[in-house]
């Protein structure tokens, strides 16, 4: 992708009008900040990330519900697999099957 190089001074090629100089870093920085804000808006959740019965996973099916399964089953049929950290030492693996039908998680100290 190429962005036009613009300058505040009049062009030296004889064409009319001044141009504005727009640096690559400023354009890419704006695109990056806008993209970050858009992603935050899309993926933000009203659910708190605080620890509860599924630690930091925020699973569709909490432990003890009919939709909760073993991590072995979930990994064999997974749709989503992600990780989260409860602290600098406690890390969890989180899993959901297609359609959030089954959920599982496991945590370990590293």
C-alpha atoms as a PDB file:
ATOM      1  CA  UNK A   1       0.000   0.000   0.000  1.00  0.00           C
ATOM      2  CA  UNK A   2       1.432   3.376  -0.973  1.00  0.00           C
ATOM      3  CA  UNK A   3       0.453   6.665   0.587  1.00  0.00           C
ATOM      4  CA  UNK A   4       0.973   9.946  -1.266  1.00  0.00           C
ATOM      5  CA  UNK A   5       3.834  12.105  -0.042  1.00  0.00           C
ATOM      6  CA  UNK A   6       2.490  15.566   0.578  1.00  0.00           C
ATOM      7  CA  UNK A   7       4.305  18.776   1.475  1.00  0.00           C
ATOM      8  CA  UNK A   8       3.151  22.140   2.919  1.00  0.00           C
ATOM      9  CA  UNK A   9       5.326  24.030   0.470  1.00  0.00           C
ATOM     10  CA  UNK A  10       4.369  24.577  -3.166  1.00  0.00           C
ATOM     11  CA  UNK A  11       5.350  21.734  -5.437  1.00  0.00           C
ATOM     12  CA  UNK A  12       8.492  22.221  -7.491  1.00  0.00           C
ATOM     13  CA  UNK A  13       7.032  20.549 -10.581  1.00  0.00           C
ATOM     14  CA  UNK A  14       4.995  23.655 -11.438  1.00  0.00           C
ATOM     15  CA  UNK A  15       1.534  22.294 -10.584  1.00  0.00           C
ATOM     16  CA  UNK A  16      -0.755  24.524  -8.576  1.00  0.00           C
ATOM     17  CA  UNK A  17      -1.417  24.597  -4.903  1.00  0.00           C
ATOM     18  CA  UNK A  18       0.360  23.651  -1.731  1.00  0.00           C
ATOM     19  CA  UNK A  19       0.418  20.137  -0.398  1.00  0.00           C
ATOM     20  CA  UNK A  20       0.445  18.812   3.150  1.00  0.00           C
ATOM     21  CA  UNK A  21       3.316  16.549   4.213  1.00  0.00           C
ATOM     22  CA  UNK A  22       1.906  13.421   5.780  1.00  0.00           C
ATOM     23  CA  UNK A  23       4.520  11.067   7.212  1.00  0.00           C
ATOM     24  CA  UNK A  24       4.236   7.295   7.033  1.00  0.00           C
ATOM     25  CA  UNK A  25       4.566   6.941  10.799  1.00  0.00           C
ATOM     26  CA  UNK A  26       1.682   9.331  11.424  1.00  0.00           C
ATOM     27  CA  UNK A  27      -0.595   7.516   8.952  1.00  0.00           C
ATOM     28  CA  UNK A  28       0.303   4.051  10.231  1.00  0.00           C
ATOM     29  CA  UNK A  29       0.103   5.230  13.836  1.00  0.00           C
ATOM     30  CA  UNK A  30      -3.411   6.539  13.211  1.00  0.00           C
ATOM     31  CA  UNK A  31      -4.432   3.331  11.484  1.00  0.00           C
ATOM     32  CA  UNK A  32      -2.967   1.297  14.352  1.00  0.00           C
ATOM     33  CA  UNK A  33      -4.743   3.330  17.019  1.00  0.00           C
ATOM     34  CA  UNK A  34      -8.022   3.185  15.102  1.00  0.00           C
ATOM     35  CA  UNK A  35      -7.667  -0.562  14.616  1.00  0.00           C
ATOM     36  CA  UNK A  36      -6.957  -1.052  18.305  1.00  0.00           C
ATOM     37  CA  UNK A  37     -10.033   0.975  19.271  1.00  0.00           C
ATOM     38  CA  UNK A  38     -12.199  -0.970  16.800  1.00  0.00           C
ATOM     39  CA  UNK A  39     -10.941  -4.304  18.153  1.00  0.00           C
ATOM     40  CA  UNK A  40     -11.606  -3.185  21.720  1.00  0.00           C
ATOM     41  CA  UNK A  41     -15.147  -2.230  20.760  1.00  0.00           C
ATOM     42  CA  UNK A  42     -15.797  -5.519  18.985  1.00  0.00           C
ATOM     43  CA  UNK A  43     -14.211  -7.885  21.486  1.00  0.00           C
ATOM     44  CA  UNK A  44     -14.948  -6.014  24.710  1.00  0.00           C
ATOM     45  CA  UNK A  45     -17.269  -7.812  27.050  1.00  0.00           C
ATOM     46  CA  UNK A  46     -19.489  -6.655  29.857  1.00  0.00           C
ATOM     47  CA  UNK A  47     -18.542  -9.794  31.800  1.00  0.00           C
ATOM     48  CA  UNK A  48     -15.809  -9.157  34.355  1.00  0.00           C
ATOM     49  CA  UNK A  49     -12.514 -10.943  33.913  1.00  0.00           C
ATOM     50  CA  UNK A  50     -12.344 -11.623  37.635  1.00  0.00           C
ATOM     51  CA  UNK A  51     -11.903 -15.124  38.980  1.00  0.00           C
ATOM     52  CA  UNK A  52     -14.994 -17.247  39.452  1.00  0.00           C
ATOM     53  CA  UNK A  53     -15.801 -20.932  39.059  1.00  0.00           C
ATOM     54  CA  UNK A  54     -13.936 -21.114  35.735  1.00  0.00           C
ATOM     55  CA  UNK A  55     -11.085 -18.843  36.840  1.00  0.00           C
ATOM     56  CA  UNK A  56     -10.255 -16.344  34.076  1.00  0.00           C
ATOM     57  CA  UNK A  57     -11.816 -18.259  31.126  1.00  0.00           C
ATOM     58  CA  UNK A  58     -15.397 -16.868  31.187  1.00  0.00           C
ATOM     59  CA  UNK A  59     -16.703 -20.110  29.691  1.00  0.00           C
ATOM     60  CA  UNK A  60     -20.146 -20.533  28.155  1.00  0.00           C
ATOM     61  CA  UNK A  61     -20.700 -23.613  30.364  1.00  0.00           C
ATOM     62  CA  UNK A  62     -19.456 -23.252  33.933  1.00  0.00           C
ATOM     63  CA  UNK A  63     -18.126 -26.224  35.936  1.00  0.00           C
ATOM     64  CA  UNK A  64     -20.990 -28.194  37.405  1.00  0.00           C
ATOM     65  CA  UNK A  65     -23.330 -27.451  34.493  1.00  0.00           C
ATOM     66  CA  UNK A  66     -24.478 -30.061  31.946  1.00  0.00           C
ATOM     67  CA  UNK A  67     -22.297 -28.413  29.272  1.00  0.00           C
ATOM     68  CA  UNK A  68     -19.045 -28.738  31.204  1.00  0.00           C
ATOM     69  CA  UNK A  69     -16.753 -31.588  30.089  1.00  0.00           C
ATOM     70  CA  UNK A  70     -13.190 -32.819  30.458  1.00  0.00           C
ATOM     71  CA  UNK A  71     -10.294 -31.000  28.869  1.00  0.00           C
ATOM     72  CA  UNK A  72      -9.400 -34.180  26.935  1.00  0.00           C
ATOM     73  CA  UNK A  73     -12.857 -34.317  25.313  1.00  0.00           C
ATOM     74  CA  UNK A  74     -12.874 -30.587  24.636  1.00  0.00           C
ATOM     75  CA  UNK A  75      -9.452 -30.628  22.956  1.00  0.00           C
ATOM     76  CA  UNK A  76     -10.544 -33.558  20.752  1.00  0.00           C
ATOM     77  CA  UNK A  77     -13.648 -31.621  19.593  1.00  0.00           C
ATOM     78  CA  UNK A  78     -12.517 -28.024  19.993  1.00  0.00           C
ATOM     79  CA  UNK A  79     -13.664 -24.944  18.192  1.00  0.00           C
ATOM     80  CA  UNK A  80     -11.781 -22.442  20.365  1.00  0.00           C
ATOM     81  CA  UNK A  81      -8.732 -22.890  22.572  1.00  0.00           C
ATOM     82  CA  UNK A  82      -7.149 -19.976  24.432  1.00  0.00           C
ATOM     83  CA  UNK A  83      -5.196 -19.191  27.546  1.00  0.00           C
ATOM     84  CA  UNK A  84      -5.405 -16.688  30.350  1.00  0.00           C
ATOM     85  CA  UNK A  85      -3.362 -15.859  33.430  1.00  0.00           C
ATOM     86  CA  UNK A  86      -4.625 -15.598  36.988  1.00  0.00           C
ATOM     87  CA  UNK A  87      -1.252 -14.295  38.171  1.00  0.00           C
ATOM     88  CA  UNK A  88       2.375 -14.264  37.083  1.00  0.00           C
ATOM     89  CA  UNK A  89       2.540 -17.957  37.981  1.00  0.00           C
ATOM     90  CA  UNK A  90      -0.957 -19.403  37.494  1.00  0.00           C
ATOM     91  CA  UNK A  91      -1.948 -19.934  33.842  1.00  0.00           C
ATOM     92  CA  UNK A  92      -5.152 -21.522  32.527  1.00  0.00           C
ATOM     93  CA  UNK A  93      -6.053 -23.243  29.249  1.00  0.00           C
ATOM     94  CA  UNK A  94      -9.649 -22.651  28.165  1.00  0.00           C
ATOM     95  CA  UNK A  95     -11.647 -24.622  25.583  1.00  0.00           C
ATOM     96  CA  UNK A  96     -15.048 -24.445  23.851  1.00  0.00           C
ATOM     97  CA  UNK A  97     -16.538 -26.923  21.348  1.00  0.00           C
ATOM     98  CA  UNK A  98     -18.514 -25.765  18.262  1.00  0.00           C
ATOM     99  CA  UNK A  99     -21.564 -23.716  19.146  1.00  0.00           C
ATOM    100  CA  UNK A 100     -20.294 -23.459  22.743  1.00  0.00           C
ATOM    101  CA  UNK A 101     -22.002 -26.812  23.402  1.00  0.00           C
ATOM    102  CA  UNK A 102     -19.258 -28.004  25.777  1.00  0.00           C
ATOM    103  CA  UNK A 103     -16.636 -26.138  27.797  1.00  0.00           C
ATOM    104  CA  UNK A 104     -13.575 -27.061  29.849  1.00  0.00           C
ATOM    105  CA  UNK A 105     -10.527 -25.508  31.463  1.00  0.00           C
ATOM    106  CA  UNK A 106      -7.431 -26.460  33.394  1.00  0.00           C
ATOM    107  CA  UNK A 107      -4.933 -24.327  35.290  1.00  0.00           C
ATOM    108  CA  UNK A 108      -1.352 -24.928  36.361  1.00  0.00           C
ATOM    109  CA  UNK A 109       1.416 -23.093  38.151  1.00  0.00           C
ATOM    110  CA  UNK A 110       4.482 -22.315  36.055  1.00  0.00           C
END
